[in-house]
Amino acid sequence: MTVYVDDMFRKATVPNGARSVTGEWCHMQADTREELDAMADMIGLRRAWIQYPDDDVKRHYDVTRPRRAAAVAAGAVEVGMLDLARMRAKWRAERRAARSSERGPDV
């Protein structure tokens, strides 16, 4: 099981309550929700900041460059933005196949 951080580095200003955070943003995603939340806790992210919390494939945190570095220092694996997109496609296909096998053969 693994936590991943991509190399998007998209410049943006994001509202955070009464202030805004300006930085270069990336995605942090993991094989499981438990791993993702544990890493978020380790690097000081609020769990309320999770994106798509109920979607196993799209679930992630947006992280700034310093938080990304903290995640890597804590064991996250650096991947390219396109690599993470490919991983999401693979996860989506695996979930689709699992749902299909749960339904059984079509008659």
N, C-alpha and C. Protein backbone atom coordinates (compact mmCIF):
# COMPACT_ATOMS: atom_id res chain seq x y z
N MET A 1 0.84 -1.17 0.00
CA MET A 1 0.00 0.00 0.00
C MET A 1 0.89 1.24 0.00
N THR A 2 0.45 2.28 -0.72
CA THR A 2 1.32 3.42 -0.95
C THR A 2 0.55 4.73 -1.01
N VAL A 3 1.24 5.80 -0.63
CA VAL A 3 0.75 7.17 -0.82
C VAL A 3 1.59 7.77 -1.94
N TYR A 4 0.93 8.50 -2.83
CA TYR A 4 1.59 9.09 -4.00
C TYR A 4 1.39 10.60 -4.01
N VAL A 5 2.39 11.34 -4.51
CA VAL A 5 2.26 12.76 -4.77
C VAL A 5 2.68 13.01 -6.21
N ASP A 6 1.86 13.78 -6.94
CA ASP A 6 2.21 14.03 -8.33
C ASP A 6 3.01 15.32 -8.47
N ASP A 7 3.37 15.64 -9.69
CA ASP A 7 4.22 16.80 -9.97
C ASP A 7 3.47 17.89 -10.74
N MET A 8 2.22 18.09 -10.41
CA MET A 8 1.41 19.07 -11.14
C MET A 8 1.94 20.50 -10.95
N PHE A 9 2.21 20.91 -9.72
CA PHE A 9 2.72 22.24 -9.39
C PHE A 9 1.91 23.36 -10.06
N ARG A 10 0.60 23.30 -9.91
CA ARG A 10 -0.28 24.32 -10.48
C ARG A 10 -0.36 25.53 -9.54
N LYS A 11 -0.07 26.69 -10.08
CA LYS A 11 -0.14 27.91 -9.28
C LYS A 11 -1.60 28.31 -9.09
N ALA A 12 -1.97 28.56 -7.82
CA ALA A 12 -3.34 28.94 -7.52
C ALA A 12 -3.41 29.58 -6.15
N THR A 13 -4.47 30.35 -5.95
CA THR A 13 -4.80 30.91 -4.64
C THR A 13 -6.11 30.26 -4.21
N VAL A 14 -6.08 29.63 -3.05
CA VAL A 14 -7.21 28.84 -2.57
C VAL A 14 -7.72 29.45 -1.26
N PRO A 15 -9.03 29.73 -1.18
CA PRO A 15 -9.57 30.27 0.07
C PRO A 15 -9.48 29.25 1.20
N ASN A 16 -9.17 29.74 2.40
CA ASN A 16 -9.10 28.90 3.59
C ASN A 16 -9.65 29.72 4.75
N GLY A 17 -10.96 29.69 4.89
CA GLY A 17 -11.59 30.51 5.93
C GLY A 17 -11.46 31.98 5.59
N ALA A 18 -10.95 32.76 6.53
CA ALA A 18 -10.83 34.21 6.35
C ALA A 18 -9.58 34.60 5.55
N ARG A 19 -8.74 33.63 5.24
CA ARG A 19 -7.52 33.95 4.47
C ARG A 19 -7.45 33.09 3.23
N SER A 20 -6.44 33.33 2.43
CA SER A 20 -6.22 32.52 1.23
C SER A 20 -4.80 32.00 1.23
N VAL A 21 -4.62 30.85 0.60
CA VAL A 21 -3.30 30.24 0.49
C VAL A 21 -2.89 30.28 -0.98
N THR A 22 -1.77 30.95 -1.23
CA THR A 22 -1.23 31.01 -2.58
C THR A 22 -0.04 30.08 -2.65
N GLY A 23 0.01 29.26 -3.67
CA GLY A 23 1.13 28.35 -3.80
C GLY A 23 1.05 27.55 -5.08
N GLU A 24 1.95 26.60 -5.18
CA GLU A 24 1.96 25.65 -6.28
C GLU A 24 1.39 24.35 -5.71
N TRP A 25 0.31 23.88 -6.32
CA TRP A 25 -0.46 22.78 -5.78
C TRP A 25 -0.26 21.49 -6.56
N CYS A 26 -0.28 20.39 -5.83
CA CYS A 26 -0.15 19.04 -6.38
C CYS A 26 -1.25 18.18 -5.75
N HIS A 27 -1.34 16.93 -6.19
CA HIS A 27 -2.30 15.98 -5.64
C HIS A 27 -1.58 14.94 -4.79
N MET A 28 -2.20 14.57 -3.68
CA MET A 28 -1.72 13.46 -2.86
C MET A 28 -2.83 12.43 -2.82
N GLN A 29 -2.52 11.22 -3.24
CA GLN A 29 -3.50 10.15 -3.34
C GLN A 29 -2.87 8.88 -2.77
N ALA A 30 -3.70 7.91 -2.43
CA ALA A 30 -3.19 6.67 -1.84
C ALA A 30 -4.01 5.48 -2.27
N ASP A 31 -3.46 4.30 -2.02
CA ASP A 31 -4.16 3.07 -2.33
C ASP A 31 -5.42 2.91 -1.48
N THR A 32 -5.39 3.43 -0.23
CA THR A 32 -6.55 3.31 0.65
C THR A 32 -6.84 4.63 1.35
N ARG A 33 -8.06 4.80 1.77
CA ARG A 33 -8.46 6.01 2.51
C ARG A 33 -7.67 6.10 3.82
N GLU A 34 -7.46 4.98 4.47
CA GLU A 34 -6.74 4.97 5.75
C GLU A 34 -5.33 5.51 5.58
N GLU A 35 -4.64 5.06 4.54
CA GLU A 35 -3.28 5.54 4.29
C GLU A 35 -3.27 7.03 3.96
N LEU A 36 -4.23 7.45 3.17
CA LEU A 36 -4.30 8.84 2.76
C LEU A 36 -4.52 9.74 3.98
N ASP A 37 -5.47 9.36 4.83
CA ASP A 37 -5.74 10.16 6.02
C ASP A 37 -4.57 10.13 7.00
N ALA A 38 -3.91 9.00 7.13
CA ALA A 38 -2.75 8.91 8.03
C ALA A 38 -1.64 9.85 7.56
N MET A 39 -1.39 9.90 6.26
CA MET A 39 -0.37 10.80 5.74
C MET A 39 -0.81 12.25 5.94
N ALA A 40 -2.08 12.54 5.69
CA ALA A 40 -2.58 13.89 5.91
C ALA A 40 -2.34 14.32 7.36
N ASP A 41 -2.61 13.43 8.29
CA ASP A 41 -2.37 13.72 9.71
C ASP A 41 -0.89 14.00 9.96
N MET A 42 -0.01 13.18 9.37
CA MET A 42 1.43 13.33 9.58
C MET A 42 1.97 14.66 9.07
N ILE A 43 1.41 15.16 7.98
CA ILE A 43 1.96 16.38 7.39
C ILE A 43 1.13 17.63 7.71
N GLY A 44 0.15 17.48 8.60
CA GLY A 44 -0.59 18.62 9.10
C GLY A 44 -1.75 19.11 8.26
N LEU A 45 -2.35 18.22 7.48
CA LEU A 45 -3.54 18.60 6.71
C LEU A 45 -4.78 18.30 7.53
N ARG A 46 -5.80 19.12 7.38
CA ARG A 46 -7.08 18.85 8.02
C ARG A 46 -7.84 17.83 7.18
N ARG A 47 -8.44 16.87 7.82
CA ARG A 47 -9.20 15.86 7.08
C ARG A 47 -10.38 16.47 6.33
N ALA A 48 -10.85 17.60 6.77
CA ALA A 48 -11.95 18.29 6.08
C ALA A 48 -11.54 18.78 4.70
N TRP A 49 -10.26 18.84 4.42
CA TRP A 49 -9.76 19.32 3.13
C TRP A 49 -9.73 18.24 2.06
N ILE A 50 -10.13 17.03 2.38
CA ILE A 50 -10.09 15.95 1.40
C ILE A 50 -11.02 16.27 0.23
N GLN A 51 -10.62 15.90 -0.95
CA GLN A 51 -11.42 16.10 -2.16
C GLN A 51 -12.04 14.75 -2.55
N TYR A 52 -13.30 14.74 -2.94
CA TYR A 52 -14.03 13.53 -3.36
C TYR A 52 -13.91 12.41 -2.31
N PRO A 53 -14.27 12.66 -1.07
CA PRO A 53 -14.05 11.67 -0.01
C PRO A 53 -14.74 10.33 -0.23
N ASP A 54 -15.84 10.30 -0.98
CA ASP A 54 -16.58 9.06 -1.16
C ASP A 54 -16.27 8.34 -2.47
N ASP A 55 -15.30 8.83 -3.20
CA ASP A 55 -14.94 8.23 -4.50
C ASP A 55 -13.56 7.58 -4.38
N ASP A 56 -13.53 6.25 -4.40
CA ASP A 56 -12.26 5.51 -4.22
C ASP A 56 -11.20 5.88 -5.25
N VAL A 57 -11.61 6.31 -6.42
CA VAL A 57 -10.66 6.61 -7.49
C VAL A 57 -10.19 8.06 -7.46
N LYS A 58 -11.10 8.99 -7.23
CA LYS A 58 -10.76 10.41 -7.30
C LYS A 58 -10.34 11.02 -5.96
N ARG A 59 -10.51 10.28 -4.87
CA ARG A 59 -10.22 10.80 -3.53
C ARG A 59 -8.75 11.25 -3.44
N HIS A 60 -8.55 12.49 -2.97
CA HIS A 60 -7.18 13.01 -2.83
C HIS A 60 -7.19 14.27 -1.96
N TYR A 61 -5.99 14.70 -1.60
CA TYR A 61 -5.80 16.00 -0.99
C TYR A 61 -5.00 16.84 -1.98
N ASP A 62 -5.32 18.12 -2.05
CA ASP A 62 -4.48 19.07 -2.77
C ASP A 62 -3.43 19.54 -1.78
N VAL A 63 -2.17 19.52 -2.19
CA VAL A 63 -1.08 19.89 -1.29
C VAL A 63 -0.17 20.92 -1.96
N THR A 64 0.33 21.84 -1.15
CA THR A 64 1.29 22.81 -1.64
C THR A 64 2.68 22.16 -1.70
N ARG A 65 3.59 22.85 -2.36
CA ARG A 65 4.95 22.32 -2.51
C ARG A 65 5.58 21.94 -1.16
N PRO A 66 5.49 22.79 -0.11
CA PRO A 66 6.08 22.39 1.18
C PRO A 66 5.42 21.14 1.79
N ARG A 67 4.10 21.02 1.66
CA ARG A 67 3.42 19.83 2.20
C ARG A 67 3.77 18.60 1.37
N ARG A 68 3.95 18.80 0.08
CA ARG A 68 4.38 17.69 -0.79
C ARG A 68 5.74 17.18 -0.33
N ALA A 69 6.67 18.11 -0.06
CA ALA A 69 8.00 17.73 0.42
C ALA A 69 7.92 16.99 1.75
N ALA A 70 7.02 17.43 2.62
CA ALA A 70 6.83 16.74 3.90
C ALA A 70 6.30 15.33 3.68
N ALA A 71 5.39 15.18 2.73
CA ALA A 71 4.84 13.85 2.43
C ALA A 71 5.94 12.93 1.90
N VAL A 72 6.77 13.44 1.02
CA VAL A 72 7.87 12.63 0.47
C VAL A 72 8.83 12.24 1.60
N ALA A 73 9.14 13.18 2.47
CA ALA A 73 10.03 12.88 3.61
C ALA A 73 9.41 11.81 4.51
N ALA A 74 8.07 11.77 4.56
CA ALA A 74 7.37 10.78 5.39
C ALA A 74 7.11 9.46 4.66
N GLY A 75 7.58 9.36 3.41
CA GLY A 75 7.47 8.09 2.70
C GLY A 75 6.60 8.06 1.47
N ALA A 76 5.96 9.17 1.11
CA ALA A 76 5.14 9.19 -0.11
C ALA A 76 6.03 9.01 -1.34
N VAL A 77 5.47 8.41 -2.36
CA VAL A 77 6.19 8.14 -3.60
C VAL A 77 5.87 9.25 -4.61
N GLU A 78 6.91 9.83 -5.19
CA GLU A 78 6.74 10.85 -6.20
C GLU A 78 6.41 10.19 -7.54
N VAL A 79 5.35 10.68 -8.19
CA VAL A 79 4.96 10.17 -9.50
C VAL A 79 4.65 11.36 -10.40
N GLY A 80 4.73 11.14 -11.69
CA GLY A 80 4.34 12.16 -12.64
C GLY A 80 2.83 12.33 -12.65
N MET A 81 2.40 13.51 -13.06
CA MET A 81 0.97 13.79 -13.15
C MET A 81 0.27 12.80 -14.08
N LEU A 82 0.92 12.48 -15.21
CA LEU A 82 0.33 11.53 -16.15
C LEU A 82 0.33 10.11 -15.57
N ASP A 83 1.37 9.79 -14.81
CA ASP A 83 1.40 8.47 -14.16
C ASP A 83 0.23 8.32 -13.19
N LEU A 84 -0.05 9.38 -12.43
CA LEU A 84 -1.18 9.30 -11.49
C LEU A 84 -2.50 9.18 -12.25
N ALA A 85 -2.61 9.86 -13.38
CA ALA A 85 -3.82 9.73 -14.20
C ALA A 85 -3.98 8.29 -14.70
N ARG A 86 -2.88 7.67 -15.09
CA ARG A 86 -2.93 6.26 -15.54
C ARG A 86 -3.31 5.34 -14.39
N MET A 87 -2.80 5.63 -13.20
CA MET A 87 -3.14 4.82 -12.03
C MET A 87 -4.64 4.93 -11.73
N ARG A 88 -5.17 6.14 -11.83
CA ARG A 88 -6.60 6.33 -11.61
C ARG A 88 -7.42 5.53 -12.63
N ALA A 89 -7.00 5.55 -13.88
CA ALA A 89 -7.71 4.78 -14.91
C ALA A 89 -7.67 3.29 -14.59
N LYS A 90 -6.52 2.81 -14.12
CA LYS A 90 -6.39 1.39 -13.76
C LYS A 90 -7.30 1.06 -12.58
N TRP A 91 -7.30 1.92 -11.56
CA TRP A 91 -8.17 1.69 -10.39
C TRP A 91 -9.64 1.68 -10.81
N ARG A 92 -10.00 2.60 -11.71
CA ARG A 92 -11.39 2.69 -12.18
C ARG A 92 -11.77 1.38 -12.89
N ALA A 93 -10.89 0.87 -13.75
CA ALA A 93 -11.16 -0.37 -14.48
C ALA A 93 -11.26 -1.55 -13.51
N GLU A 94 -10.40 -1.58 -12.50
CA GLU A 94 -10.46 -2.67 -11.51
C GLU A 94 -11.77 -2.64 -10.74
N ARG A 95 -12.22 -1.47 -10.37
CA ARG A 95 -13.49 -1.37 -9.64
C ARG A 95 -14.66 -1.76 -10.52
N ARG A 96 -14.60 -1.37 -11.79
CA ARG A 96 -15.65 -1.74 -12.74
C ARG A 96 -15.70 -3.25 -12.89
N ALA A 97 -14.53 -3.89 -13.01
CA ALA A 97 -14.47 -5.34 -13.15
C ALA A 97 -14.99 -6.03 -11.89
N ALA A 98 -14.66 -5.49 -10.73
CA ALA A 98 -15.12 -6.09 -9.48
C ALA A 98 -16.64 -6.00 -9.37
N ARG A 99 -17.21 -4.86 -9.74
CA ARG A 99 -18.68 -4.72 -9.71
C ARG A 99 -19.33 -5.69 -10.68
N SER A 100 -18.71 -5.85 -11.84
CA SER A 100 -19.25 -6.75 -12.85
C SER A 100 -19.24 -8.20 -12.35
N SER A 101 -18.16 -8.61 -11.71
CA SER A 101 -18.07 -9.99 -11.22
C SER A 101 -19.03 -10.22 -10.05
N GLU A 102 -19.32 -9.16 -9.27
CA GLU A 102 -20.28 -9.30 -8.18
C GLU A 102 -21.69 -9.54 -8.70
N ARG A 103 -22.01 -8.99 -9.85
CA ARG A 103 -23.34 -9.18 -10.44
C ARG A 103 -23.51 -10.56 -11.03
N GLY A 104 -22.43 -11.20 -11.37
CA GLY A 104 -22.50 -12.52 -11.97
C GLY A 104 -22.69 -12.45 -13.46
N PRO A 105 -22.74 -13.62 -14.12
CA PRO A 105 -22.86 -13.64 -15.59
C PRO A 105 -24.24 -13.17 -16.05
N ASP A 106 -24.23 -12.49 -17.18
CA ASP A 106 -25.50 -12.08 -17.80
C ASP A 106 -26.17 -13.28 -18.43
N VAL A 107 -27.47 -13.34 -18.28
CA VAL A 107 -28.23 -14.45 -18.85
C VAL A 107 -29.05 -13.97 -20.01
